[in-house]
């Protein structure tokens, strides 16, 4: 999905349900603008905007160690 969203926007619904491991990988994409495709051996650069939504209380999830605090931005 990330590769398909290059030069565009990726919408992630219910981000609060994302596993912690995947949150770390998404954070890398946001910080470095690159990712390793599944089965790939070279990082790919992308220019994407990510919009995320959830109905969960992310601050509460951070307190319970269910969501990464460094993944939350205003």
C-alpha atoms as a PDB file:
ATOM      1  CA  UNK A   1       0.000   0.000   0.000  1.00  0.00           C
ATOM      2  CA  UNK A   2       2.761   2.440   0.844  1.00  0.00           C
ATOM      3  CA  UNK A   3       4.306   2.141  -2.596  1.00  0.00           C
ATOM      4  CA  UNK A   4       0.940   2.740  -4.264  1.00  0.00           C
ATOM      5  CA  UNK A   5       0.432   5.903  -2.209  1.00  0.00           C
ATOM      6  CA  UNK A   6       3.706   7.464  -3.418  1.00  0.00           C
ATOM      7  CA  UNK A   7       3.107  11.130  -4.337  1.00  0.00           C
ATOM      8  CA  UNK A   8      -0.296  10.926  -2.647  1.00  0.00           C
ATOM      9  CA  UNK A   9      -2.147  10.270   0.604  1.00  0.00           C
ATOM     10  CA  UNK A  10      -2.594   7.008   2.512  1.00  0.00           C
ATOM     11  CA  UNK A  11      -5.595   6.848   4.859  1.00  0.00           C
ATOM     12  CA  UNK A  12      -5.265   4.458   7.808  1.00  0.00           C
ATOM     13  CA  UNK A  13      -8.580   3.810   9.539  1.00  0.00           C
ATOM     14  CA  UNK A  14      -8.620   2.565  13.146  1.00  0.00           C
ATOM     15  CA  UNK A  15      -4.915   3.233  13.740  1.00  0.00           C
ATOM     16  CA  UNK A  16      -5.519   2.328  17.396  1.00  0.00           C
ATOM     17  CA  UNK A  17      -5.810  -1.322  16.398  1.00  0.00           C
ATOM     18  CA  UNK A  18      -2.362  -1.382  14.772  1.00  0.00           C
ATOM     19  CA  UNK A  19       0.084  -3.769  16.521  1.00  0.00           C
ATOM     20  CA  UNK A  20       3.110  -2.171  18.220  1.00  0.00           C
ATOM     21  CA  UNK A  21       5.588  -3.756  15.773  1.00  0.00           C
ATOM     22  CA  UNK A  22       3.767  -2.280  12.813  1.00  0.00           C
ATOM     23  CA  UNK A  23       3.604   1.113  14.543  1.00  0.00           C
ATOM     24  CA  UNK A  24       7.425   1.120  14.697  1.00  0.00           C
ATOM     25  CA  UNK A  25       7.663   0.341  10.977  1.00  0.00           C
ATOM     26  CA  UNK A  26       5.165   3.063  10.120  1.00  0.00           C
ATOM     27  CA  UNK A  27       7.098   5.544  12.251  1.00  0.00           C
ATOM     28  CA  UNK A  28      10.242   4.696  10.252  1.00  0.00           C
ATOM     29  CA  UNK A  29       8.393   5.432   7.013  1.00  0.00           C
ATOM     30  CA  UNK A  30       7.213   8.770   8.405  1.00  0.00           C
ATOM     31  CA  UNK A  31      10.663   9.787   9.649  1.00  0.00           C
ATOM     32  CA  UNK A  32      12.865   8.496   6.838  1.00  0.00           C
ATOM     33  CA  UNK A  33      10.466   8.493   3.849  1.00  0.00           C
ATOM     34  CA  UNK A  34      11.567   4.982   2.960  1.00  0.00           C
ATOM     35  CA  UNK A  35      10.492   1.386   3.483  1.00  0.00           C
ATOM     36  CA  UNK A  36      11.601  -2.140   2.672  1.00  0.00           C
ATOM     37  CA  UNK A  37       9.055  -3.820   0.390  1.00  0.00           C
ATOM     38  CA  UNK A  38       7.908  -7.295   1.369  1.00  0.00           C
ATOM     39  CA  UNK A  39      10.424  -9.736  -0.126  1.00  0.00           C
ATOM     40  CA  UNK A  40      12.660  -6.854  -1.224  1.00  0.00           C
ATOM     41  CA  UNK A  41      16.312  -6.320  -0.461  1.00  0.00           C
ATOM     42  CA  UNK A  42      16.549  -2.566  -1.121  1.00  0.00           C
ATOM     43  CA  UNK A  43      14.836   0.318   0.618  1.00  0.00           C
ATOM     44  CA  UNK A  44      12.431   2.363  -1.523  1.00  0.00           C
ATOM     45  CA  UNK A  45      11.945   6.102  -1.104  1.00  0.00           C
ATOM     46  CA  UNK A  46       8.409   7.462  -1.001  1.00  0.00           C
ATOM     47  CA  UNK A  47       6.768  10.857  -0.805  1.00  0.00           C
ATOM     48  CA  UNK A  48       3.483  10.294   1.009  1.00  0.00           C
ATOM     49  CA  UNK A  49       1.116  11.979   3.382  1.00  0.00           C
ATOM     50  CA  UNK A  50      -0.577   9.760   5.952  1.00  0.00           C
ATOM     51  CA  UNK A  51      -3.964  10.474   7.500  1.00  0.00           C
ATOM     52  CA  UNK A  52      -5.046   8.273  10.384  1.00  0.00           C
ATOM     53  CA  UNK A  53      -8.247   7.936  12.355  1.00  0.00           C
ATOM     54  CA  UNK A  54      -9.464   6.013  15.361  1.00  0.00           C
ATOM     55  CA  UNK A  55     -12.295   6.066  17.840  1.00  0.00           C
ATOM     56  CA  UNK A  56     -10.008   4.901  20.644  1.00  0.00           C
ATOM     57  CA  UNK A  57      -8.409   7.036  23.352  1.00  0.00           C
ATOM     58  CA  UNK A  58      -4.776   6.912  22.229  1.00  0.00           C
ATOM     59  CA  UNK A  59      -3.481   8.670  25.339  1.00  0.00           C
ATOM     60  CA  UNK A  60      -5.065   5.946  27.465  1.00  0.00           C
ATOM     61  CA  UNK A  61      -3.599   3.293  25.174  1.00  0.00           C
ATOM     62  CA  UNK A  62      -0.132   4.869  25.581  1.00  0.00           C
ATOM     63  CA  UNK A  63      -0.514   4.706  29.366  1.00  0.00           C
ATOM     64  CA  UNK A  64      -1.395   1.003  29.034  1.00  0.00           C
ATOM     65  CA  UNK A  65       1.603   0.415  26.688  1.00  0.00           C
ATOM     66  CA  UNK A  66      -0.740  -0.532  23.828  1.00  0.00           C
ATOM     67  CA  UNK A  67       0.252   2.355  21.579  1.00  0.00           C
ATOM     68  CA  UNK A  68       3.630   4.011  21.003  1.00  0.00           C
ATOM     69  CA  UNK A  69       3.805   7.529  22.411  1.00  0.00           C
ATOM     70  CA  UNK A  70       6.277   8.605  19.720  1.00  0.00           C
ATOM     71  CA  UNK A  71       3.662   7.745  17.079  1.00  0.00           C
ATOM     72  CA  UNK A  72       1.288  10.471  18.260  1.00  0.00           C
ATOM     73  CA  UNK A  73       1.591  13.897  16.651  1.00  0.00           C
ATOM     74  CA  UNK A  74      -0.697  16.901  16.719  1.00  0.00           C
END
